[in-house]
Amino acid sequence: MRTTSLLSAFAVLPLSFATQATAESIPVTEDNFAQAETAWNFANWTRKGADKGMLHLREVTPVGPEAPTVRMNWDTLYSVQIVNVSDDGTFTISLPESDLYVAAQVMDADGFSPYYIVDSGDHEVEVSTDFALIIFRTELKDRTDAASLAHLHEVQDQISISGMQDDSTYTPPSYDQAQLEAMRKQYKDEFLSAGIDYTYAKGPGEADQHVLDLSHAAGWGGYPPELGVSNAYSSSAALSGEECLAVTFEDPQNAFFTSFTLYDSDGYLMEGATHINSNMWQANENGTITLHFNCGDDKVNNLSSGGAPFNYSIRNYGVSQMVLDGAFRPINPKPL
């Protein structure tokens, strides 16, 4: 059995946890931010029971800090499980055949994501840390329709994981939560002001660690873009919410779908009409798409932050070559 690394975990902890610090707390620095942030995320899912078995979220993600983690979405419903694989590091993920988009993403305790799986069937995977967190995303066609939700739940129930230790109880390392919170805030602000895309890696040495840390702070839990398989993400800068903005673009033709979601300054979902995807939007006569922000209900494809400051993230599900080539990056809306 391998020694459990302090470089472990995933999710957002309640305030009571986040403010606890003891003499035995592990200092949070640039060298271990990824592991501390990952542990923070793991711990929140543990609090919800994800280390005791498969945790299915049956309703849409709540707005604000009630969400289990930042940058969640309304394109899919999540299922999450934390597994102890300390024997040989392997376990098996099983995905059903379905008319819905179903994906499994593996996160290790160091904040790396070695697998993103969209094909049905059984898939044996291997990680280098004793614990892993698996995020399943099942497509949500219509979050307001009971029949759509019922069908999604049936698909969720066919997801499974096997081959891990019988006891997957997870206890997070005691990182200094005040230091972690301060560094997270600093990195979130730096990410939004830098105008960079989210960057993730399958393993060590594949990307600049500081850029990875900025992405962990702004939107933990991603996977590097893989043509037609995984997702690519980009984000706007912080926007005031006090003026009407618009952006026009060509459909990127991703393998599955494309979405835009508004977030508050802390990266949480906002109330109201704050989400749209390519199954929902209305195209222009020439085939392009125009999205409006805070322009009123009479404008096509209008998203509203209610006048509050916001930023938005774009998700490219099954990323296209157009996106990989940098030809699709509509993150700079202009005033009308």
C-alpha atoms as a PDB file:
ATOM      1  CA  MET A   1       0.000   0.000   0.000  1.00  0.00           C
ATOM      2  CA  ARG A   2       1.413   3.359  -0.978  1.00  0.00           C
ATOM      3  CA  THR A   3       1.862   6.176   1.516  1.00  0.00           C
ATOM      4  CA  THR A   4      -1.016   8.640   1.308  1.00  0.00           C
ATOM      5  CA  SER A   5       0.292  11.893  -0.138  1.00  0.00           C
ATOM      6  CA  LEU A   6      -0.473  15.258   1.412  1.00  0.00           C
ATOM      7  CA  LEU A   7      -0.943  16.332  -2.181  1.00  0.00           C
ATOM      8  CA  SER A   8      -4.587  15.331  -2.246  1.00  0.00           C
ATOM      9  CA  ALA A   9      -8.300  16.326  -2.720  1.00  0.00           C
ATOM     10  CA  PHE A  10     -11.434  18.409  -4.459  1.00  0.00           C
ATOM     11  CA  ALA A  11     -14.310  21.069  -3.660  1.00  0.00           C
ATOM     12  CA  VAL A  12     -15.546  24.009  -1.653  1.00  0.00           C
ATOM     13  CA  LEU A  13     -15.684  23.787   2.129  1.00  0.00           C
ATOM     14  CA  PRO A  14     -18.251  25.380   4.392  1.00  0.00           C
ATOM     15  CA  LEU A  15     -17.177  28.569   6.141  1.00  0.00           C
ATOM     16  CA  SER A  16     -16.804  26.772   9.463  1.00  0.00           C
ATOM     17  CA  PHE A  17     -14.098  24.579   7.937  1.00  0.00           C
ATOM     18  CA  ALA A  18     -12.505  27.382   5.964  1.00  0.00           C
ATOM     19  CA  THR A  19     -11.857  29.479   9.060  1.00  0.00           C
ATOM     20  CA  GLN A  20     -10.395  26.721  11.203  1.00  0.00           C
ATOM     21  CA  ALA A  21      -6.654  26.851  11.724  1.00  0.00           C
ATOM     22  CA  THR A  22      -4.519  25.093  14.298  1.00  0.00           C
ATOM     23  CA  ALA A  23      -0.909  24.970  15.277  1.00  0.00           C
ATOM     24  CA  GLU A  24      -0.648  21.838  13.155  1.00  0.00           C
ATOM     25  CA  SER A  25      -1.982  23.536  10.010  1.00  0.00           C
ATOM     26  CA  ILE A  26       0.039  23.013   6.846  1.00  0.00           C
ATOM     27  CA  PRO A  27       1.150  26.378   5.393  1.00  0.00           C
ATOM     28  CA  VAL A  28      -0.257  27.087   1.910  1.00  0.00           C
ATOM     29  CA  THR A  29       2.319  28.389  -0.564  1.00  0.00           C
ATOM     30  CA  GLU A  30       2.814  28.625  -4.313  1.00  0.00           C
ATOM     31  CA  ASP A  31       4.392  25.178  -4.130  1.00  0.00           C
ATOM     32  CA  ASN A  32       1.329  23.390  -2.737  1.00  0.00           C
ATOM     33  CA  PHE A  33      -1.614  25.612  -3.720  1.00  0.00           C
ATOM     34  CA  ALA A  34      -2.877  23.044  -6.253  1.00  0.00           C
ATOM     35  CA  GLN A  35      -2.945  20.296  -3.633  1.00  0.00           C
ATOM     36  CA  ALA A  36      -4.548  22.530  -0.989  1.00  0.00           C
ATOM     37  CA  GLU A  37      -7.223  23.773  -3.391  1.00  0.00           C
ATOM     38  CA  THR A  38      -7.880  20.223  -4.524  1.00  0.00           C
ATOM     39  CA  ALA A  39      -8.207  19.069  -0.913  1.00  0.00           C
ATOM     40  CA  TRP A  40     -10.650  21.890  -0.270  1.00  0.00           C
ATOM     41  CA  ASN A  41     -12.800  20.658  -3.139  1.00  0.00           C
ATOM     42  CA  PHE A  42     -12.551  16.982  -2.174  1.00  0.00           C
ATOM     43  CA  ALA A  43     -13.588  17.873   1.366  1.00  0.00           C
ATOM     44  CA  ASN A  44     -16.787  19.615   0.343  1.00  0.00           C
ATOM     45  CA  TRP A  45     -17.901  16.630  -1.730  1.00  0.00           C
ATOM     46  CA  THR A  46     -16.950  14.418   1.223  1.00  0.00           C
ATOM     47  CA  ARG A  47     -19.236  16.484   3.449  1.00  0.00           C
ATOM     48  CA  LYS A  48     -22.029  15.679   0.989  1.00  0.00           C
ATOM     49  CA  GLY A  49     -21.255  11.964   1.170  1.00  0.00           C
ATOM     50  CA  ALA A  50     -19.331  11.386  -2.078  1.00  0.00           C
ATOM     51  CA  ASP A  51     -16.743   9.211  -0.300  1.00  0.00           C
ATOM     52  CA  LYS A  52     -19.515   6.821   0.810  1.00  0.00           C
ATOM     53  CA  GLY A  53     -20.763   6.000  -2.687  1.00  0.00           C
ATOM     54  CA  MET A  54     -22.017   7.622  -5.867  1.00  0.00           C
ATOM     55  CA  LEU A  55     -23.534  11.050  -5.180  1.00  0.00           C
ATOM     56  CA  HIS A  56     -26.064  12.073  -7.828  1.00  0.00           C
ATOM     57  CA  LEU A  57     -27.154  15.693  -7.995  1.00  0.00           C
ATOM     58  CA  ARG A  58     -30.782  15.349  -9.075  1.00  0.00           C
ATOM     59  CA  GLU A  59     -31.643  19.034  -9.343  1.00  0.00           C
ATOM     60  CA  VAL A  60     -29.963  21.911 -11.126  1.00  0.00           C
ATOM     61  CA  THR A  61     -26.956  23.464  -9.421  1.00  0.00           C
ATOM     62  CA  PRO A  62     -27.970  26.189  -6.947  1.00  0.00           C
ATOM     63  CA  VAL A  63     -26.854  29.780  -7.363  1.00  0.00           C
ATOM     64  CA  GLY A  64     -24.311  31.385  -5.051  1.00  0.00           C
ATOM     65  CA  PRO A  65     -22.005  29.668  -2.551  1.00  0.00           C
ATOM     66  CA  GLU A  66     -24.556  26.923  -1.845  1.00  0.00           C
ATOM     67  CA  ALA A  67     -23.091  25.240  -4.945  1.00  0.00           C
ATOM     68  CA  PRO A  68     -20.547  22.501  -4.136  1.00  0.00           C
ATOM     69  CA  THR A  69     -17.838  24.276  -6.134  1.00  0.00           C
ATOM     70  CA  VAL A  70     -17.247  27.274  -8.374  1.00  0.00           C
ATOM     71  CA  ARG A  71     -17.972  27.468 -12.125  1.00  0.00           C
ATOM     72  CA  MET A  72     -20.652  24.790 -12.141  1.00  0.00           C
ATOM     73  CA  ASN A  73     -23.149  24.864 -15.001  1.00  0.00           C
ATOM     74  CA  TRP A  74     -26.720  24.277 -16.112  1.00  0.00           C
ATOM     75  CA  ASP A  75     -25.785  22.212 -19.179  1.00  0.00           C
ATOM     76  CA  THR A  76     -25.480  19.003 -17.187  1.00  0.00           C
ATOM     77  CA  LEU A  77     -26.232  17.403 -13.846  1.00  0.00           C
ATOM     78  CA  TYR A  78     -23.280  16.104 -11.891  1.00  0.00           C
ATOM     79  CA  SER A  79     -22.647  12.759 -10.272  1.00  0.00           C
ATOM     80  CA  VAL A  80     -19.544  12.541  -8.080  1.00  0.00           C
ATOM     81  CA  GLN A  81     -17.682   9.800  -6.253  1.00  0.00           C
ATOM     82  CA  ILE A  82     -14.432   9.797  -4.287  1.00  0.00           C
ATOM     83  CA  VAL A  83     -12.542   6.498  -4.359  1.00  0.00           C
ATOM     84  CA  ASN A  84      -9.615   5.053  -2.420  1.00  0.00           C
ATOM     85  CA  VAL A  85      -7.366   3.211  -4.873  1.00  0.00           C
ATOM     86  CA  SER A  86      -4.350   2.814  -2.606  1.00  0.00           C
ATOM     87  CA  ASP A  87      -3.786  -0.852  -3.540  1.00  0.00           C
ATOM     88  CA  ASP A  88      -2.639  -0.550  -7.165  1.00  0.00           C
ATOM     89  CA  GLY A  89      -4.070   2.792  -8.291  1.00  0.00           C
ATOM     90  CA  THR A  90      -6.584   1.273 -10.720  1.00  0.00           C
ATOM     91  CA  PHE A  91     -10.380   1.181 -10.892  1.00  0.00           C
ATOM     92  CA  THR A  92     -13.063   0.809 -13.569  1.00  0.00           C
ATOM     93  CA  ILE A  93     -15.564   3.410 -14.785  1.00  0.00           C
ATOM     94  CA  SER A  94     -18.723   2.212 -16.553  1.00  0.00           C
ATOM     95  CA  LEU A  95     -20.777   4.553 -18.754  1.00  0.00           C
ATOM     96  CA  PRO A  96     -24.153   3.617 -20.290  1.00  0.00           C
ATOM     97  CA  GLU A  97     -25.259   3.925 -23.884  1.00  0.00           C
ATOM     98  CA  SER A  98     -27.602   6.906 -24.040  1.00  0.00           C
ATOM     99  CA  ASP A  99     -29.138   9.558 -26.267  1.00  0.00           C
ATOM    100  CA  LEU A 100     -27.769  12.087 -23.757  1.00  0.00           C
ATOM    101  CA  TYR A 101     -24.217  13.360 -23.452  1.00  0.00           C
ATOM    102  CA  VAL A 102     -22.550  11.441 -20.595  1.00  0.00           C
ATOM    103  CA  ALA A 103     -18.923  12.016 -19.621  1.00  0.00           C
ATOM    104  CA  ALA A 104     -16.600  10.901 -16.829  1.00  0.00           C
ATOM    105  CA  GLN A 105     -13.626  12.958 -15.680  1.00  0.00           C
ATOM    106  CA  VAL A 106     -10.986  11.713 -13.262  1.00  0.00           C
ATOM    107  CA  MET A 107      -9.254  14.146 -10.889  1.00  0.00           C
ATOM    108  CA  ASP A 108      -6.292  12.984  -8.839  1.00  0.00           C
ATOM    109  CA  ALA A 109      -5.299  14.406  -5.468  1.00  0.00           C
ATOM    110  CA  ASP A 110      -2.629  16.647  -7.000  1.00  0.00           C
ATOM    111  CA  GLY A 111      -5.164  18.532  -9.128  1.00  0.00           C
ATOM    112  CA  PHE A 112      -4.340  16.743 -12.383  1.00  0.00           C
ATOM    113  CA  SER A 113      -6.959  15.156 -14.632  1.00  0.00           C
ATOM    114  CA  PRO A 114      -5.558  12.098 -16.427  1.00  0.00           C
ATOM    115  CA  TYR A 115      -8.824  10.935 -18.073  1.00  0.00           C
ATOM    116  CA  TYR A 116     -11.902  12.359 -19.784  1.00  0.00           C
ATOM    117  CA  ILE A 117     -14.204   9.617 -21.110  1.00  0.00           C
ATOM    118  CA  VAL A 118     -17.235  10.039 -23.385  1.00  0.00           C
ATOM    119  CA  ASP A 119     -17.575   6.518 -24.834  1.00  0.00           C
ATOM    120  CA  SER A 120     -19.991   4.009 -23.323  1.00  0.00           C
ATOM    121  CA  GLY A 121     -18.688   0.785 -21.810  1.00  0.00           C
ATOM    122  CA  ASP A 122     -16.148  -0.217 -19.156  1.00  0.00           C
ATOM    123  CA  HIS A 123     -12.903   1.757 -18.850  1.00  0.00           C
ATOM    124  CA  GLU A 124     -10.033   0.782 -16.545  1.00  0.00           C
ATOM    125  CA  VAL A 125      -8.087   3.838 -15.388  1.00  0.00           C
ATOM    126  CA  GLU A 126      -5.031   4.384 -13.203  1.00  0.00           C
ATOM    127  CA  VAL A 127      -4.014   7.302 -10.985  1.00  0.00           C
ATOM    128  CA  SER A 128      -0.817   8.011  -9.045  1.00  0.00           C
ATOM    129  CA  THR A 129      -2.438   9.235  -5.811  1.00  0.00           C
ATOM    130  CA  ASP A 130      -4.267   7.169  -3.210  1.00  0.00           C
ATOM    131  CA  PHE A 131      -7.540   9.041  -3.708  1.00  0.00           C
ATOM    132  CA  ALA A 132      -9.307  10.194  -6.845  1.00  0.00           C
ATOM    133  CA  LEU A 133     -12.506  12.095  -7.487  1.00  0.00           C
ATOM    134  CA  ILE A 134     -14.605  11.213 -10.515  1.00  0.00           C
ATOM    135  CA  ILE A 135     -16.959  13.827 -11.951  1.00  0.00           C
ATOM    136  CA  PHE A 136     -19.755  12.591 -14.205  1.00  0.00           C
ATOM    137  CA  ARG A 137     -21.692  15.031 -16.384  1.00  0.00           C
ATOM    138  CA  THR A 138     -25.062  13.995 -17.843  1.00  0.00           C
ATOM    139  CA  GLU A 139     -26.743  16.302 -20.348  1.00  0.00           C
ATOM    140  CA  LEU A 140     -29.665  18.385 -19.115  1.00  0.00           C
ATOM    141  CA  LYS A 141     -31.900  19.090 -22.104  1.00  0.00           C
ATOM    142  CA  ASP A 142     -34.415  21.292 -20.294  1.00  0.00           C
ATOM    143  CA  ARG A 143     -34.009  22.195 -16.626  1.00  0.00           C
ATOM    144  CA  THR A 144     -37.665  23.274 -16.409  1.00  0.00           C
ATOM    145  CA  ASP A 145     -39.181  20.024 -17.774  1.00  0.00           C
ATOM    146  CA  ALA A 146     -40.020  17.184 -15.358  1.00  0.00           C
ATOM    147  CA  ALA A 147     -39.903  14.482 -18.053  1.00  0.00           C
ATOM    148  CA  SER A 148     -36.463  15.653 -19.169  1.00  0.00           C
ATOM    149  CA  LEU A 149     -35.192  15.454 -15.596  1.00  0.00           C
ATOM    150  CA  ALA A 150     -36.719  12.007 -15.067  1.00  0.00           C
ATOM    151  CA  HIS A 151     -34.975  10.654 -18.165  1.00  0.00           C
ATOM    152  CA  LEU A 152     -31.693  12.175 -17.045  1.00  0.00           C
ATOM    153  CA  HIS A 153     -32.051  10.497 -13.644  1.00  0.00           C
ATOM    154  CA  GLU A 154     -32.529   7.111 -15.337  1.00  0.00           C
ATOM    155  CA  VAL A 155     -29.268   7.615 -17.217  1.00  0.00           C
ATOM    156  CA  GLN A 156     -27.440   8.736 -14.070  1.00  0.00           C
ATOM    157  CA  ASP A 157     -28.486   5.529 -12.320  1.00  0.00           C
ATOM    158  CA  GLN A 158     -26.634   3.473 -14.951  1.00  0.00           C
ATOM    159  CA  ILE A 159     -23.270   5.086 -14.135  1.00  0.00           C
ATOM    160  CA  SER A 160     -20.955   3.052 -11.899  1.00  0.00           C
ATOM    161  CA  ILE A 161     -17.421   2.655 -10.544  1.00  0.00           C
ATOM    162  CA  SER A 162     -15.834  -0.616  -9.412  1.00  0.00           C
ATOM    163  CA  GLY A 163     -12.478  -2.032  -8.378  1.00  0.00           C
ATOM    164  CA  MET A 164     -11.608   0.464  -5.625  1.00  0.00           C
ATOM    165  CA  GLN A 165     -11.006  -0.143  -1.900  1.00  0.00           C
ATOM    166  CA  ASP A 166     -14.081  -1.050   0.153  1.00  0.00           C
ATOM    167  CA  ASP A 167     -13.466   1.920   2.465  1.00  0.00           C
ATOM    168  CA  SER A 168     -13.032   5.233   0.634  1.00  0.00           C
ATOM    169  CA  THR A 169     -13.441   7.482   3.686  1.00  0.00           C
ATOM    170  CA  TYR A 170     -11.561  10.677   2.903  1.00  0.00           C
ATOM    171  CA  THR A 171      -9.948  12.949   5.510  1.00  0.00           C
ATOM    172  CA  PRO A 172      -8.402  16.147   4.110  1.00  0.00           C
ATOM    173  CA  PRO A 173      -4.930  17.304   5.117  1.00  0.00           C
ATOM    174  CA  SER A 174      -5.065  20.229   7.565  1.00  0.00           C
ATOM    175  CA  TYR A 175      -4.033  23.053   5.240  1.00  0.00           C
ATOM    176  CA  ASP A 176      -4.174  26.582   6.659  1.00  0.00           C
ATOM    177  CA  GLN A 177      -7.576  27.696   5.378  1.00  0.00           C
ATOM    178  CA  ALA A 178      -7.005  31.425   5.910  1.00  0.00           C
ATOM    179  CA  GLN A 179      -3.880  31.290   3.759  1.00  0.00           C
ATOM    180  CA  LEU A 180      -5.688  29.203   1.147  1.00  0.00           C
ATOM    181  CA  GLU A 181      -8.630  31.602   0.990  1.00  0.00           C
ATOM    182  CA  ALA A 182      -6.343  34.627   0.590  1.00  0.00           C
ATOM    183  CA  MET A 183      -4.294  32.990  -2.149  1.00  0.00           C
ATOM    184  CA  ARG A 184      -7.443  31.795  -3.940  1.00  0.00           C
ATOM    185  CA  LYS A 185      -8.832  35.343  -3.998  1.00  0.00           C
ATOM    186  CA  GLN A 186      -5.533  36.683  -5.325  1.00  0.00           C
ATOM    187  CA  TYR A 187      -5.403  34.046  -8.057  1.00  0.00           C
ATOM    188  CA  LYS A 188      -9.046  34.543  -9.074  1.00  0.00           C
ATOM    189  CA  ASP A 189      -8.457  38.265  -9.531  1.00  0.00           C
ATOM    190  CA  GLU A 190      -5.257  37.624 -11.466  1.00  0.00           C
ATOM    191  CA  PHE A 191      -7.013  35.125 -13.738  1.00  0.00           C
ATOM    192  CA  LEU A 192      -9.830  37.523 -14.659  1.00  0.00           C
ATOM    193  CA  SER A 193      -7.482  40.462 -15.247  1.00  0.00           C
ATOM    194  CA  ALA A 194      -5.020  38.410 -17.321  1.00  0.00           C
ATOM    195  CA  GLY A 195      -7.577  37.488 -19.998  1.00  0.00           C
ATOM    196  CA  ILE A 196      -6.203  33.962 -20.344  1.00  0.00           C
ATOM    197  CA  ASP A 197      -8.045  30.724 -21.084  1.00  0.00           C
ATOM    198  CA  TYR A 198      -8.516  28.016 -18.492  1.00  0.00           C
ATOM    199  CA  THR A 199      -5.510  25.701 -18.508  1.00  0.00           C
ATOM    200  CA  TYR A 200      -5.497  22.164 -17.139  1.00  0.00           C
ATOM    201  CA  ALA A 201      -3.124  19.198 -17.362  1.00  0.00           C
ATOM    202  CA  LYS A 202      -3.197  15.399 -17.321  1.00  0.00           C
ATOM    203  CA  GLY A 203      -0.028  15.235 -15.229  1.00  0.00           C
ATOM    204  CA  PRO A 204       3.070  17.056 -13.958  1.00  0.00           C
ATOM    205  CA  GLY A 205       5.172  19.089 -16.377  1.00  0.00           C
ATOM    206  CA  GLU A 206       2.495  19.472 -19.057  1.00  0.00           C
ATOM    207  CA  ALA A 207       1.689  23.133 -18.329  1.00  0.00           C
ATOM    208  CA  ASP A 208       3.063  26.089 -16.397  1.00  0.00           C
ATOM    209  CA  GLN A 209       2.160  25.450 -12.761  1.00  0.00           C
ATOM    210  CA  HIS A 210       1.286  29.073 -11.993  1.00  0.00           C
ATOM    211  CA  VAL A 211      -1.155  29.182 -14.909  1.00  0.00           C
ATOM    212  CA  LEU A 212      -2.625  25.891 -13.679  1.00  0.00           C
ATOM    213  CA  ASP A 213      -3.019  27.396 -10.210  1.00  0.00           C
ATOM    214  CA  LEU A 214      -4.869  30.415 -11.615  1.00  0.00           C
ATOM    215  CA  SER A 215      -7.272  28.039 -13.361  1.00  0.00           C
ATOM    216  CA  HIS A 216      -7.714  25.938 -10.213  1.00  0.00           C
ATOM    217  CA  ALA A 217      -8.693  29.075  -8.287  1.00  0.00           C
ATOM    218  CA  ALA A 218     -11.042  30.409 -10.972  1.00  0.00           C
ATOM    219  CA  GLY A 219     -12.598  27.095 -12.017  1.00  0.00           C
ATOM    220  CA  TRP A 220     -11.307  23.927 -10.384  1.00  0.00           C
ATOM    221  CA  GLY A 221     -11.843  20.618 -12.130  1.00  0.00           C
ATOM    222  CA  GLY A 222     -10.954  20.818 -15.819  1.00  0.00           C
ATOM    223  CA  TYR A 223      -9.224  18.654 -18.418  1.00  0.00           C
ATOM    224  CA  PRO A 224      -6.973  19.758 -21.300  1.00  0.00           C
ATOM    225  CA  PRO A 225      -8.758  20.137 -24.670  1.00  0.00           C
ATOM    226  CA  GLU A 226      -8.876  16.999 -26.836  1.00  0.00           C
ATOM    227  CA  LEU A 227     -10.451  17.224 -30.296  1.00  0.00           C
ATOM    228  CA  GLY A 228     -14.021  15.930 -30.306  1.00  0.00           C
ATOM    229  CA  VAL A 229     -13.721  14.460 -26.803  1.00  0.00           C
ATOM    230  CA  SER A 230     -13.131  16.837 -23.918  1.00  0.00           C
ATOM    231  CA  ASN A 231     -14.101  20.445 -23.386  1.00  0.00           C
ATOM    232  CA  ALA A 232     -12.338  23.766 -23.865  1.00  0.00           C
ATOM    233  CA  TYR A 233     -13.134  26.718 -21.643  1.00  0.00           C
ATOM    234  CA  SER A 234     -12.612  30.453 -21.889  1.00  0.00           C
ATOM    235  CA  SER A 235     -13.770  33.363 -19.785  1.00  0.00           C
ATOM    236  CA  SER A 236     -14.507  37.034 -20.240  1.00  0.00           C
ATOM    237  CA  ALA A 237     -12.979  39.722 -18.097  1.00  0.00           C
ATOM    238  CA  ALA A 238     -15.009  41.182 -15.230  1.00  0.00           C
ATOM    239  CA  LEU A 239     -17.922  43.217 -16.649  1.00  0.00           C
ATOM    240  CA  SER A 240     -19.914  45.913 -14.868  1.00  0.00           C
ATOM    241  CA  GLY A 241     -23.459  44.760 -15.660  1.00  0.00           C
ATOM    242  CA  GLU A 242     -24.633  48.347 -16.026  1.00  0.00           C
ATOM    243  CA  GLU A 243     -24.610  48.578 -19.824  1.00  0.00           C
ATOM    244  CA  CYS A 244     -26.035  46.647 -22.751  1.00  0.00           C
ATOM    245  CA  LEU A 245     -23.335  44.508 -24.378  1.00  0.00           C
ATOM    246  CA  ALA A 246     -23.383  42.162 -27.370  1.00  0.00           C
ATOM    247  CA  VAL A 247     -21.091  39.732 -29.143  1.00  0.00           C
ATOM    248  CA  THR A 248     -21.571  38.006 -32.522  1.00  0.00           C
ATOM    249  CA  PHE A 249     -19.779  34.838 -33.594  1.00  0.00           C
ATOM    250  CA  GLU A 250     -19.890  31.849 -35.921  1.00  0.00           C
ATOM    251  CA  ASP A 251     -21.075  28.515 -34.540  1.00  0.00           C
ATOM    252  CA  PRO A 252     -17.877  26.647 -33.570  1.00  0.00           C
ATOM    253  CA  GLN A 253     -19.449  23.277 -34.482  1.00  0.00           C
ATOM    254  CA  ASN A 254     -18.321  21.448 -31.370  1.00  0.00           C
ATOM    255  CA  ALA A 255     -19.020  17.706 -31.330  1.00  0.00           C
ATOM    256  CA  PHE A 256     -21.674  17.967 -28.613  1.00  0.00           C
ATOM    257  CA  PHE A 257     -22.717  21.533 -27.818  1.00  0.00           C
ATOM    258  CA  THR A 258     -21.536  25.015 -26.785  1.00  0.00           C
ATOM    259  CA  SER A 259     -22.663  27.109 -23.829  1.00  0.00           C
ATOM    260  CA  PHE A 260     -22.343  30.532 -22.198  1.00  0.00           C
ATOM    261  CA  THR A 261     -22.914  30.991 -18.448  1.00  0.00           C
ATOM    262  CA  LEU A 262     -22.791  34.116 -16.279  1.00  0.00           C
ATOM    263  CA  TYR A 263     -21.010  34.086 -12.908  1.00  0.00           C
ATOM    264  CA  ASP A 264     -20.570  36.521 -10.056  1.00  0.00           C
ATOM    265  CA  SER A 265     -17.172  37.854  -8.999  1.00  0.00           C
ATOM    266  CA  ASP A 266     -16.571  34.776  -6.839  1.00  0.00           C
ATOM    267  CA  GLY A 267     -17.308  32.391  -9.708  1.00  0.00           C
ATOM    268  CA  TYR A 268     -20.773  31.228  -8.617  1.00  0.00           C
ATOM    269  CA  LEU A 269     -23.924  30.892 -10.704  1.00  0.00           C
ATOM    270  CA  MET A 270     -26.317  33.857 -10.696  1.00  0.00           C
ATOM    271  CA  GLU A 271     -30.113  34.082 -10.509  1.00  0.00           C
ATOM    272  CA  GLY A 272     -32.223  34.584 -13.610  1.00  0.00           C
ATOM    273  CA  ALA A 273     -31.607  34.195 -17.340  1.00  0.00           C
ATOM    274  CA  THR A 274     -27.879  33.654 -16.993  1.00  0.00           C
ATOM    275  CA  HIS A 275     -27.276  30.612 -19.204  1.00  0.00           C
ATOM    276  CA  ILE A 276     -27.711  29.620 -22.843  1.00  0.00           C
ATOM    277  CA  ASN A 277     -26.366  26.840 -25.052  1.00  0.00           C
ATOM    278  CA  SER A 278     -26.393  25.891 -28.721  1.00  0.00           C
ATOM    279  CA  ASN A 279     -29.533  23.789 -28.244  1.00  0.00           C
ATOM    280  CA  MET A 280     -31.330  26.922 -27.071  1.00  0.00           C
ATOM    281  CA  TRP A 281     -30.035  29.955 -28.949  1.00  0.00           C
ATOM    282  CA  GLN A 282     -31.558  31.541 -32.050  1.00  0.00           C
ATOM    283  CA  ALA A 283     -29.219  32.085 -35.001  1.00  0.00           C
ATOM    284  CA  ASN A 284     -29.149  35.149 -37.246  1.00  0.00           C
ATOM    285  CA  GLU A 285     -30.279  34.895 -40.881  1.00  0.00           C
ATOM    286  CA  ASN A 286     -26.662  34.528 -42.028  1.00  0.00           C
ATOM    287  CA  GLY A 287     -26.026  31.675 -39.587  1.00  0.00           C
ATOM    288  CA  THR A 288     -24.031  33.668 -37.053  1.00  0.00           C
ATOM    289  CA  ILE A 289     -25.173  33.965 -33.456  1.00  0.00           C
ATOM    290  CA  THR A 290     -25.534  37.176 -31.455  1.00  0.00           C
ATOM    291  CA  LEU A 291     -25.696  37.090 -27.675  1.00  0.00           C
ATOM    292  CA  HIS A 292     -26.835  40.091 -25.650  1.00  0.00           C
ATOM    293  CA  PHE A 293     -25.972  40.888 -22.053  1.00  0.00           C
ATOM    294  CA  ASN A 294     -28.266  43.091 -19.939  1.00  0.00           C
ATOM    295  CA  CYS A 295     -30.056  44.418 -23.030  1.00  0.00           C
ATOM    296  CA  GLY A 296     -33.655  43.568 -22.121  1.00  0.00           C
ATOM    297  CA  ASP A 297     -36.015  40.715 -22.905  1.00  0.00           C
ATOM    298  CA  ASP A 298     -36.836  42.093 -26.359  1.00  0.00           C
ATOM    299  CA  LYS A 299     -33.294  41.307 -27.514  1.00  0.00           C
ATOM    300  CA  VAL A 300     -32.623  37.856 -28.938  1.00  0.00           C
ATOM    301  CA  ASN A 301     -30.483  35.518 -26.820  1.00  0.00           C
ATOM    302  CA  ASN A 302     -30.380  37.981 -23.923  1.00  0.00           C
ATOM    303  CA  LEU A 303     -28.621  37.032 -20.695  1.00  0.00           C
ATOM    304  CA  SER A 304     -29.056  39.225 -17.639  1.00  0.00           C
ATOM    305  CA  SER A 305     -27.007  39.704 -14.494  1.00  0.00           C
ATOM    306  CA  GLY A 306     -29.721  41.954 -13.098  1.00  0.00           C
ATOM    307  CA  GLY A 307     -27.344  44.901 -13.296  1.00  0.00           C
ATOM    308  CA  ALA A 308     -24.788  43.236 -11.033  1.00  0.00           C
ATOM    309  CA  PRO A 309     -21.121  42.827 -11.995  1.00  0.00           C
ATOM    310  CA  PHE A 310     -20.468  39.549 -13.791  1.00  0.00           C
ATOM    311  CA  ASN A 311     -18.171  37.560 -16.012  1.00  0.00           C
ATOM    312  CA  TYR A 312     -19.008  34.671 -18.297  1.00  0.00           C
ATOM    313  CA  SER A 313     -17.504  31.338 -19.209  1.00  0.00           C
ATOM    314  CA  ILE A 314     -17.774  29.566 -22.552  1.00  0.00           C
ATOM    315  CA  ARG A 315     -17.814  25.775 -22.638  1.00  0.00           C
ATOM    316  CA  ASN A 316     -17.026  23.863 -25.814  1.00  0.00           C
ATOM    317  CA  TYR A 317     -18.235  20.280 -25.283  1.00  0.00           C
ATOM    318  CA  GLY A 318     -16.298  17.956 -27.597  1.00  0.00           C
ATOM    319  CA  VAL A 319     -14.050  20.796 -28.683  1.00  0.00           C
ATOM    320  CA  SER A 320     -13.802  21.503 -32.431  1.00  0.00           C
ATOM    321  CA  GLN A 321     -10.712  22.246 -34.505  1.00  0.00           C
ATOM    322  CA  MET A 322     -11.982  25.810 -34.925  1.00  0.00           C
ATOM    323  CA  VAL A 323     -11.775  26.306 -31.169  1.00  0.00           C
ATOM    324  CA  LEU A 324      -8.390  24.592 -30.882  1.00  0.00           C
ATOM    325  CA  ASP A 325      -7.053  26.864 -33.630  1.00  0.00           C
ATOM    326  CA  GLY A 326      -8.071  29.931 -31.631  1.00  0.00           C
ATOM    327  CA  ALA A 327     -10.677  31.063 -34.167  1.00  0.00           C
ATOM    328  CA  PHE A 328     -13.518  30.989 -31.616  1.00  0.00           C
ATOM    329  CA  ARG A 329     -13.016  33.195 -28.580  1.00  0.00           C
ATOM    330  CA  PRO A 330     -15.982  35.579 -28.222  1.00  0.00           C
ATOM    331  CA  ILE A 331     -15.037  36.910 -24.799  1.00  0.00           C
ATOM    332  CA  ASN A 332     -15.020  40.649 -25.550  1.00  0.00           C
ATOM    333  CA  PRO A 333     -18.615  41.903 -25.894  1.00  0.00           C
ATOM    334  CA  LYS A 334     -19.098  45.484 -27.077  1.00  0.00           C
ATOM    335  CA  PRO A 335     -21.612  48.152 -26.019  1.00  0.00           C
ATOM    336  CA  LEU A 336     -24.603  48.571 -28.324  1.00  0.00           C
END
